[in-house]
Amino acid sequence: MATATAVALSLAVLSAASGTATADDLDTEPAYLSVPGLSGAQTRALSADGFDVVKRTADGATTVIGDAKVADRLRDRGLEPTVLDTVYKKVSTKAALGEYYGGYKTPDLHFKHLDDVAAAHPDLAKVYDIGDSWLKTQGQGGHDIKAICITKMADGDCELSPESAKPRFSVISQIHAREIATGEISWRWIDYLANGYGSDETVTSILDTTEVWVVPIVNPDGVDKVASGGDSPLLQRKNLDNSHGDCGGTQTGVDLNRNHSYGWGDAGTQPCSETFQGPSAGSEPEIVAVEEFFGKIHPDQRGDGDAPAPDDTRDVMISLHSYGEYLIVPWGHSTSPPPNDSQLRALGNAMAESNGYQVGNPSQTVGYLASGTSDDYTYGTLGIASYTFEVGGQFGECGGFLPAYSCVEDLWTLNQGALITAAQNAKAPYQL
């Protein structure tokens, strides 16, 4: 059985290799810990008891984030954690004002970026305030949540109405605050489109025929907390709703990607769980905002009950997450296949030709069910082709939730083609 000294030594070796810590940091610096041979019930129990459970493989190997004290708590339960990798990566560049951890952008910079793009390209872009973060609803600061629409403008384009002349492709990111590379990919996707129109044939074709909508930061309060750690970002996953109790550290809040109002109810019920689903479906203002937003830009094409969306359904939605290099299809809340399963997987496989990600539902990829998710909501409620991308691998400088900023460009390049494929197929995603 591993000892606390062994865990600390493992952390020391990994930290020395990545240049992120000294011996003084070993008791508190988080690491990715592997716990072998757990059943699904054991994994769920860890999550319910406040452990930060990341994934579970088919053989029961479960990844938990924690420091030496967390490793001791796992051993107290008769488990044998080993260290996989450090969480923090080497910071090679001093962050500029409004940035953190080598160059990652705060919500204020992300939302300013949207306004700047719209001001520079009024013939292509329009920005909307789609709702408020939890702190703003409480009069405690917080943020407006913003979305940008990009297309070659014609009369009636980029309006908050599902009756649009053009098909629509929507992207959301950082619903989980600590998945910091995802907002940066959205930033680059926006710039690629806005700056490429008229000079890039692919971009021009997309924007002449399709509206692209992006919400780069769904959880801005959470991202502010992440960024407050500077070169050691805090691992806040959830929003900052503390009305259900203060759990301390980064465990207070509601998991927004378990709070959607379709397929809700089988995630964490303990407020200090990282997957706490909230007191009711759609209880959080951030989820109210994005669900209303989706309903305003995407027509309801699903039908009743288990009826599939028709073959001529239009529109695609992608929710960017990290990590694992997975391209996830619905359902998250059930192991049963959705009625459009083969069609969803066909487009998923087409996108995976670009990024090489494994295509499957949550049980086949991250290794657990996930209720109340964004893609279950947009597919289940509206019928549109919906996906989750888990961006990046697990190990090394470019792995995990907090990859080095120097890795962002490669992560964007790897996923650029998949986003293009989604946009090009928004007119008829079920007809590949």
Protein backbone atom coordinates (compact mmCIF):
# COMPACT_ATOMS: atom_id res chain seq x y z
CA MET A 1 0.00 0.00 0.00
CA ALA A 2 1.30 3.46 -0.88
CA THR A 3 2.39 5.68 1.99
CA ALA A 4 2.05 9.44 2.38
CA THR A 5 5.81 9.67 1.91
CA ALA A 6 5.57 7.73 -1.35
CA VAL A 7 2.83 9.99 -2.63
CA ALA A 8 4.83 13.07 -1.69
CA LEU A 9 7.92 11.63 -3.39
CA SER A 10 5.93 10.88 -6.54
CA LEU A 11 4.64 14.43 -6.53
CA ALA A 12 8.16 15.73 -6.08
CA VAL A 13 9.44 13.80 -9.08
CA LEU A 14 6.58 14.94 -11.29
CA SER A 15 6.81 18.52 -10.08
CA ALA A 16 10.52 18.65 -10.71
CA ALA A 17 9.98 17.35 -14.22
CA SER A 18 7.40 20.01 -15.01
CA GLY A 19 9.09 22.79 -13.08
CA THR A 20 5.92 23.69 -11.22
CA ALA A 21 6.64 23.09 -7.53
CA THR A 22 9.19 22.77 -4.79
CA ALA A 23 9.33 20.40 -1.84
CA ASP A 24 7.43 22.98 0.21
CA ASP A 25 4.42 22.61 -2.11
CA LEU A 26 3.98 18.88 -1.81
CA ASP A 27 1.37 18.83 0.95
CA THR A 28 -0.93 21.25 -0.87
CA GLU A 29 -0.25 21.08 -4.60
CA PRO A 30 -2.96 19.02 -6.33
CA ALA A 31 -2.20 16.03 -8.51
CA TYR A 32 -4.16 13.56 -10.61
CA LEU A 33 -4.43 10.39 -8.51
CA SER A 34 -5.41 6.99 -9.89
CA VAL A 35 -7.47 4.65 -7.72
CA PRO A 36 -7.70 1.14 -9.25
CA GLY A 37 -10.52 -1.36 -9.35
CA LEU A 38 -13.53 0.70 -8.29
CA SER A 39 -17.10 -0.18 -9.16
CA GLY A 40 -19.46 2.45 -10.48
CA ALA A 41 -21.15 2.57 -7.07
CA GLN A 42 -17.80 3.16 -5.33
CA THR A 43 -16.95 5.95 -7.76
CA ARG A 44 -20.32 7.61 -7.16
CA ALA A 45 -19.81 7.29 -3.40
CA LEU A 46 -16.46 9.06 -3.64
CA SER A 47 -18.07 11.90 -5.57
CA ALA A 48 -20.95 12.16 -3.10
CA ASP A 49 -18.44 12.38 -0.24
CA GLY A 50 -16.75 15.39 -1.80
CA PHE A 51 -13.86 13.78 -3.66
CA ASP A 52 -13.07 15.44 -6.99
CA VAL A 53 -13.70 12.46 -9.30
CA VAL A 54 -12.69 13.12 -12.90
CA LYS A 55 -13.23 9.87 -14.81
CA ARG A 56 -13.54 6.10 -14.55
CA THR A 57 -12.26 3.60 -17.11
CA ALA A 58 -13.86 0.28 -18.00
CA ASP A 59 -11.52 -1.61 -15.66
CA GLY A 60 -12.53 0.58 -12.72
CA ALA A 61 -9.44 2.81 -12.61
CA THR A 62 -10.76 6.11 -11.29
CA THR A 63 -8.99 9.46 -11.49
CA VAL A 64 -9.33 11.77 -8.49
CA ILE A 65 -7.79 15.21 -8.06
CA GLY A 66 -6.16 15.83 -4.72
CA ASP A 67 -3.07 16.51 -2.67
CA ALA A 68 -1.30 14.34 -0.08
CA LYS A 69 -4.15 14.84 2.41
CA VAL A 70 -6.68 13.62 -0.14
CA ALA A 71 -4.47 10.59 -0.80
CA ASP A 72 -4.51 9.89 2.95
CA ARG A 73 -8.33 10.10 2.98
CA LEU A 74 -8.47 7.61 0.13
CA ARG A 75 -6.16 5.22 1.98
CA ASP A 76 -8.34 5.56 5.08
CA ARG A 77 -11.09 4.00 2.95
CA GLY A 78 -8.84 1.06 2.09
CA LEU A 79 -7.96 2.36 -1.37
CA GLU A 80 -4.52 2.56 -2.99
CA PRO A 81 -3.99 5.84 -4.87
CA THR A 82 -0.99 6.41 -7.10
CA VAL A 83 0.08 9.65 -8.74
CA LEU A 84 -0.54 10.07 -12.47
CA ASP A 85 0.56 13.66 -13.08
CA THR A 86 0.67 17.12 -11.59
CA VAL A 87 -2.23 19.51 -12.17
CA TYR A 88 -0.20 22.70 -12.61
CA LYS A 89 2.08 23.04 -15.63
CA LYS A 90 5.09 25.24 -16.20
CA VAL A 91 4.29 28.93 -16.71
CA SER A 92 6.83 30.26 -19.19
CA THR A 93 5.37 33.72 -19.86
CA LYS A 94 4.32 36.44 -17.45
CA ALA A 95 0.61 37.11 -17.86
CA ALA A 96 -0.48 40.55 -19.06
CA LEU A 97 -3.15 42.65 -17.38
CA GLY A 98 -6.44 40.76 -17.36
CA GLU A 99 -4.70 37.43 -18.01
CA TYR A 100 -3.50 34.60 -15.77
CA TYR A 101 -1.45 31.40 -15.89
CA GLY A 102 0.75 32.46 -18.79
CA GLY A 103 -1.90 34.12 -20.98
CA TYR A 104 -5.37 32.73 -20.28
CA LYS A 105 -8.09 35.40 -20.45
CA THR A 106 -10.49 36.49 -17.74
CA PRO A 107 -14.24 36.77 -18.45
CA ASP A 108 -13.93 40.54 -18.75
CA LEU A 109 -11.40 40.14 -21.57
CA HIS A 110 -13.51 37.47 -23.27
CA PHE A 111 -16.60 39.66 -23.28
CA LYS A 112 -14.61 42.72 -24.38
CA HIS A 113 -13.28 40.59 -27.23
CA LEU A 114 -16.83 39.94 -28.43
CA ASP A 115 -17.60 43.66 -28.43
CA ASP A 116 -14.34 44.45 -30.22
CA VAL A 117 -15.05 41.87 -32.95
CA ALA A 118 -18.56 43.24 -33.50
CA ALA A 119 -17.24 46.81 -33.65
CA ALA A 120 -14.54 45.86 -36.16
CA HIS A 121 -16.89 43.74 -38.31
CA PRO A 122 -20.41 45.23 -38.18
CA ASP A 123 -21.26 43.45 -41.43
CA LEU A 124 -20.42 40.10 -39.85
CA ALA A 125 -21.01 40.10 -36.10
CA LYS A 126 -23.59 41.00 -33.48
CA VAL A 127 -23.35 40.62 -29.68
CA TYR A 128 -26.17 39.81 -27.26
CA ASP A 129 -26.51 39.85 -23.48
CA ILE A 130 -28.33 36.57 -22.85
CA GLY A 131 -28.60 36.61 -19.05
CA ASP A 132 -26.90 36.99 -15.69
CA SER A 133 -24.44 35.01 -13.61
CA TRP A 134 -25.40 33.94 -10.09
CA LEU A 135 -23.39 36.66 -8.37
CA LYS A 136 -25.06 39.32 -10.50
CA THR A 137 -28.52 38.06 -9.54
CA GLN A 138 -27.47 38.51 -5.91
CA GLY A 139 -26.16 42.06 -6.37
CA GLN A 140 -22.64 40.85 -5.61
CA GLY A 141 -20.87 41.89 -8.81
CA GLY A 142 -20.92 39.08 -11.31
CA HIS A 143 -21.41 39.31 -15.05
CA ASP A 144 -23.75 39.57 -17.97
CA ILE A 145 -23.38 36.40 -20.03
CA LYS A 146 -22.72 37.30 -23.65
CA ALA A 147 -23.10 35.57 -27.00
CA ILE A 148 -21.85 36.55 -30.44
CA CYS A 149 -23.43 35.71 -33.80
CA ILE A 150 -21.19 35.69 -36.87
CA THR A 151 -22.45 35.53 -40.45
CA LYS A 152 -22.43 37.64 -43.60
CA MET A 153 -25.31 39.87 -42.57
CA ALA A 154 -28.49 40.01 -44.61
CA ASP A 155 -31.91 41.25 -43.51
CA GLY A 156 -33.16 39.13 -40.62
CA ASP A 157 -29.83 37.47 -39.84
CA CYS A 158 -28.53 37.07 -36.29
CA GLU A 159 -31.88 37.76 -34.64
CA LEU A 160 -33.01 36.05 -31.45
CA SER A 161 -35.67 34.09 -33.26
CA PRO A 162 -35.75 30.41 -34.22
CA GLU A 163 -37.23 31.35 -37.60
CA SER A 164 -33.91 32.12 -39.29
CA ALA A 165 -33.24 31.91 -43.01
CA LYS A 166 -29.86 30.27 -42.43
CA PRO A 167 -29.05 27.14 -40.43
CA ARG A 168 -27.22 27.71 -37.17
CA PHE A 169 -24.20 26.22 -35.45
CA SER A 170 -23.75 27.11 -31.78
CA VAL A 171 -20.71 26.60 -29.54
CA ILE A 172 -20.53 27.06 -25.77
CA SER A 173 -17.49 26.76 -23.51
CA GLN A 174 -16.35 27.00 -19.90
CA ILE A 175 -19.62 25.87 -18.38
CA HIS A 176 -17.08 24.15 -16.12
CA ALA A 177 -14.89 27.05 -15.10
CA ARG A 178 -11.59 25.21 -14.65
CA GLU A 179 -11.62 23.78 -18.20
CA ILE A 180 -9.69 26.82 -19.28
CA ALA A 181 -8.46 25.85 -22.75
CA THR A 182 -12.04 25.65 -24.01
CA GLY A 183 -12.69 29.38 -23.78
CA GLU A 184 -9.45 30.02 -25.64
CA ILE A 185 -10.54 27.69 -28.45
CA SER A 186 -13.80 29.64 -28.71
CA TRP A 187 -11.78 32.89 -28.88
CA ARG A 188 -9.73 31.54 -31.78
CA TRP A 189 -12.80 30.15 -33.56
CA ILE A 190 -14.39 33.61 -33.42
CA ASP A 191 -11.25 35.29 -34.78
CA TYR A 192 -10.82 32.66 -37.49
CA LEU A 193 -14.31 33.39 -38.78
CA ALA A 194 -14.36 37.17 -38.38
CA ASN A 195 -10.90 37.72 -39.85
CA GLY A 196 -11.18 35.14 -42.61
CA TYR A 197 -14.29 36.29 -44.41
CA GLY A 198 -13.50 37.35 -47.97
CA SER A 199 -9.96 35.95 -47.91
CA ASP A 200 -10.45 32.36 -46.76
CA GLU A 201 -12.65 30.31 -49.08
CA THR A 202 -13.86 27.96 -46.34
CA VAL A 203 -14.77 30.76 -43.95
CA THR A 204 -16.49 32.75 -46.68
CA SER A 205 -18.60 29.77 -47.68
CA ILE A 206 -19.62 29.09 -44.06
CA LEU A 207 -20.60 32.68 -43.29
CA ASP A 208 -22.46 33.15 -46.57
CA THR A 209 -24.73 30.23 -45.73
CA THR A 210 -24.71 29.72 -41.95
CA GLU A 211 -25.01 31.64 -38.70
CA VAL A 212 -22.36 30.73 -36.12
CA TRP A 213 -23.18 31.54 -32.49
CA VAL A 214 -20.65 31.37 -29.63
CA VAL A 215 -21.03 31.73 -25.86
CA PRO A 216 -17.36 31.66 -24.83
CA ILE A 217 -17.91 31.78 -21.05
CA VAL A 218 -21.09 30.24 -19.65
CA ASN A 219 -19.80 30.31 -16.05
CA PRO A 220 -18.02 33.67 -15.65
CA ASP A 221 -18.21 33.81 -11.85
CA GLY A 222 -16.49 30.44 -11.66
CA VAL A 223 -13.84 31.51 -14.16
CA ASP A 224 -13.12 34.62 -12.08
CA LYS A 225 -12.43 32.34 -9.13
CA VAL A 226 -10.17 30.11 -11.24
CA ALA A 227 -8.26 33.17 -12.47
CA SER A 228 -7.85 34.55 -8.95
CA GLY A 229 -5.21 31.88 -8.37
CA GLY A 230 -2.90 33.49 -10.93
CA ASP A 231 -0.12 31.08 -11.84
CA SER A 232 -1.80 28.43 -9.65
CA PRO A 233 -5.40 28.62 -10.91
CA LEU A 234 -8.05 27.50 -8.47
CA LEU A 235 -9.87 24.33 -9.48
CA GLN A 236 -13.38 25.76 -9.38
CA ARG A 237 -15.70 23.64 -11.53
CA LYS A 238 -19.14 24.84 -10.46
CA ASN A 239 -20.80 28.25 -10.31
CA LEU A 240 -20.57 30.31 -7.10
CA ASP A 241 -24.09 29.70 -5.76
CA ASN A 242 -23.50 29.36 -2.00
CA SER A 243 -27.17 29.29 -1.03
CA HIS A 244 -26.96 25.54 -0.38
CA GLY A 245 -24.07 25.80 2.07
CA ASP A 246 -20.45 26.89 2.06
CA CYS A 247 -18.26 23.88 1.34
CA GLY A 248 -15.01 25.81 1.48
CA GLY A 249 -12.24 25.85 -1.08
CA THR A 250 -13.51 25.29 -4.60
CA GLN A 251 -16.38 22.91 -3.80
CA THR A 252 -19.16 25.44 -3.20
CA GLY A 253 -21.69 25.84 -6.00
CA VAL A 254 -23.84 23.94 -8.49
CA ASP A 255 -22.47 21.92 -11.39
CA LEU A 256 -24.08 23.75 -14.30
CA ASN A 257 -23.60 20.77 -16.61
CA ARG A 258 -25.80 18.69 -14.32
CA ASN A 259 -28.50 21.38 -13.94
CA HIS A 260 -30.15 21.42 -17.37
CA SER A 261 -33.87 20.70 -17.38
CA TYR A 262 -33.78 17.66 -19.68
CA GLY A 263 -32.74 14.35 -18.13
CA TRP A 264 -32.09 16.05 -14.78
CA GLY A 265 -32.04 14.26 -11.47
CA ASP A 266 -29.48 11.44 -11.33
CA ALA A 267 -26.33 13.42 -10.50
CA GLY A 268 -24.96 14.55 -7.14
CA THR A 269 -27.44 15.51 -4.43
CA GLN A 270 -24.81 16.56 -1.88
CA PRO A 271 -24.02 20.29 -2.11
CA CYS A 272 -20.29 19.71 -1.65
CA SER A 273 -20.08 17.16 -4.45
CA GLU A 274 -18.36 18.43 -7.59
CA THR A 275 -21.38 17.12 -9.53
CA PHE A 276 -24.06 18.69 -7.30
CA GLN A 277 -27.03 19.00 -9.63
CA GLY A 278 -28.79 21.80 -7.74
CA PRO A 279 -32.12 21.73 -5.90
CA SER A 280 -34.21 21.50 -9.07
CA ALA A 281 -33.86 21.31 -12.83
CA GLY A 282 -32.78 24.63 -14.31
CA SER A 283 -32.39 26.24 -10.89
CA GLU A 284 -29.30 28.27 -11.78
CA PRO A 285 -29.44 31.63 -13.61
CA GLU A 286 -26.65 30.63 -15.97
CA ILE A 287 -28.70 27.62 -17.11
CA VAL A 288 -31.87 29.69 -17.40
CA ALA A 289 -29.86 32.03 -19.64
CA VAL A 290 -28.43 29.39 -21.97
CA GLU A 291 -31.65 27.37 -22.20
CA GLU A 292 -33.63 30.47 -23.14
CA PHE A 293 -30.86 31.36 -25.58
CA PHE A 294 -30.97 27.95 -27.23
CA GLY A 295 -34.75 28.18 -27.53
CA LYS A 296 -34.50 31.57 -29.19
CA ILE A 297 -32.01 30.55 -31.86
CA HIS A 298 -32.84 26.89 -32.58
CA PRO A 299 -36.30 25.70 -33.69
CA ASP A 300 -37.90 22.78 -31.86
CA GLN A 301 -37.70 19.88 -34.30
CA ARG A 302 -37.75 16.90 -31.94
CA GLY A 303 -41.38 15.85 -31.67
CA ASP A 304 -42.98 14.03 -28.76
CA GLY A 305 -41.78 11.18 -26.58
CA ASP A 306 -39.13 8.97 -28.12
CA ALA A 307 -39.79 10.11 -31.67
CA PRO A 308 -36.58 10.87 -33.57
CA ALA A 309 -35.90 14.27 -35.00
CA PRO A 310 -36.73 14.17 -38.73
CA ASP A 311 -34.05 13.68 -41.34
CA ASP A 312 -34.36 17.30 -42.47
CA THR A 313 -33.61 18.67 -38.99
CA ARG A 314 -31.12 21.54 -39.12
CA ASP A 315 -28.60 23.01 -36.67
CA VAL A 316 -25.70 21.70 -34.58
CA MET A 317 -24.56 22.47 -31.02
CA ILE A 318 -21.16 21.68 -29.48
CA SER A 319 -20.28 22.13 -25.81
CA LEU A 320 -16.51 22.36 -25.29
CA HIS A 321 -15.09 20.64 -22.21
CA SER A 322 -11.81 19.08 -21.12
CA TYR A 323 -10.21 16.61 -20.94
CA GLY A 324 -9.85 13.11 -22.48
CA GLU A 325 -9.91 13.52 -26.28
CA TYR A 326 -13.50 12.32 -26.53
CA LEU A 327 -16.30 13.34 -28.87
CA ILE A 328 -19.41 12.54 -26.87
CA VAL A 329 -22.91 11.94 -28.22
CA PRO A 330 -26.20 11.77 -26.24
CA TRP A 331 -27.52 10.30 -24.08
CA GLY A 332 -25.64 11.27 -20.94
CA HIS A 333 -28.48 10.46 -18.55
CA SER A 334 -29.18 6.96 -19.90
CA THR A 335 -27.35 4.01 -21.41
CA SER A 336 -30.17 3.59 -23.95
CA PRO A 337 -29.36 5.00 -27.39
CA PRO A 338 -31.22 8.13 -28.50
CA PRO A 339 -33.61 7.78 -31.45
CA ASN A 340 -31.14 9.53 -33.80
CA ASP A 341 -28.14 7.58 -32.50
CA SER A 342 -26.74 6.39 -35.85
CA GLN A 343 -27.10 9.85 -37.39
CA LEU A 344 -25.50 11.57 -34.40
CA ARG A 345 -22.58 9.15 -34.57
CA ALA A 346 -22.21 9.63 -38.33
CA LEU A 347 -21.57 13.35 -37.93
CA GLY A 348 -19.49 12.63 -34.83
CA ASN A 349 -17.27 10.28 -36.83
CA ALA A 350 -16.96 12.89 -39.59
CA MET A 351 -15.75 15.46 -37.06
CA ALA A 352 -13.42 12.92 -35.47
CA GLU A 353 -11.65 12.48 -38.79
CA SER A 354 -10.08 15.87 -38.02
CA ASN A 355 -9.26 15.64 -34.32
CA GLY A 356 -8.95 11.87 -33.89
CA TYR A 357 -11.18 11.83 -30.82
CA GLN A 358 -12.99 8.70 -29.62
CA VAL A 359 -16.70 8.87 -30.46
CA GLY A 360 -19.19 7.47 -27.96
CA ASN A 361 -21.71 8.27 -25.27
CA PRO A 362 -20.53 9.19 -21.74
CA SER A 363 -20.58 5.59 -20.53
CA GLN A 364 -18.34 4.60 -23.46
CA THR A 365 -15.92 7.51 -23.02
CA VAL A 366 -15.57 9.15 -19.60
CA GLY A 367 -16.99 6.03 -17.95
CA TYR A 368 -20.06 7.34 -16.13
CA LEU A 369 -23.58 8.63 -16.73
CA ALA A 370 -24.09 12.39 -16.72
CA SER A 371 -27.60 13.76 -16.29
CA GLY A 372 -28.71 17.34 -16.90
CA THR A 373 -26.08 18.10 -19.55
CA SER A 374 -26.11 20.69 -22.31
CA ASP A 375 -26.08 18.24 -25.21
CA ASP A 376 -28.86 16.11 -23.73
CA TYR A 377 -30.89 19.30 -23.37
CA THR A 378 -30.44 20.65 -26.89
CA TYR A 379 -30.92 17.26 -28.52
CA GLY A 380 -33.68 16.06 -26.20
CA THR A 381 -35.66 19.30 -26.22
CA LEU A 382 -34.98 20.71 -29.68
CA GLY A 383 -33.79 17.71 -31.69
CA ILE A 384 -30.64 19.38 -32.99
CA ALA A 385 -27.43 17.40 -33.44
CA SER A 386 -25.58 17.94 -30.16
CA TYR A 387 -22.14 16.96 -28.89
CA THR A 388 -19.60 17.42 -26.14
CA PHE A 389 -15.91 17.69 -27.02
CA GLU A 390 -13.47 16.71 -24.25
CA VAL A 391 -10.45 18.69 -25.39
CA GLY A 392 -6.89 17.57 -24.68
CA GLY A 393 -5.23 14.51 -23.21
CA GLN A 394 -4.58 13.58 -19.61
CA PHE A 395 -0.81 13.71 -19.26
CA GLY A 396 2.03 16.14 -19.81
CA GLU A 397 2.25 19.88 -20.28
CA CYS A 398 -0.76 19.92 -22.63
CA GLY A 399 -2.94 17.56 -20.60
CA GLY A 400 -5.54 17.89 -17.90
CA PHE A 401 -7.75 20.81 -16.93
CA LEU A 402 -4.92 23.35 -16.80
CA PRO A 403 -2.66 22.85 -19.84
CA ALA A 404 0.23 25.24 -20.28
CA TYR A 405 -0.86 28.28 -22.28
CA SER A 406 1.74 27.41 -24.91
CA CYS A 407 -0.41 24.37 -25.76
CA VAL A 408 -3.54 26.32 -26.66
CA GLU A 409 -2.61 26.96 -30.27
CA ASP A 410 -2.09 23.26 -30.92
CA LEU A 411 -5.37 22.37 -29.18
CA TRP A 412 -7.16 24.91 -31.35
CA THR A 413 -5.51 23.67 -34.54
CA LEU A 414 -6.43 20.08 -33.72
CA ASN A 415 -10.10 20.97 -33.25
CA GLN A 416 -10.44 23.59 -35.98
CA GLY A 417 -11.33 21.06 -38.68
CA ALA A 418 -13.99 19.42 -36.50
CA LEU A 419 -15.66 22.79 -35.88
CA ILE A 420 -15.55 23.51 -39.60
CA THR A 421 -17.18 20.14 -40.33
CA ALA A 422 -19.95 20.92 -37.83
CA ALA A 423 -20.60 24.33 -39.38
CA GLN A 424 -20.62 22.93 -42.91
CA ASN A 425 -23.22 20.32 -41.93
CA ALA A 426 -25.52 22.56 -39.89
CA LYS A 427 -28.02 22.67 -42.76
CA ALA A 428 -28.65 18.89 -42.61
CA PRO A 429 -26.64 17.15 -39.86
CA TYR A 430 -28.69 13.95 -40.06
CA GLN A 431 -28.14 13.42 -43.78
CA LEU A 432 -24.50 12.37 -43.94
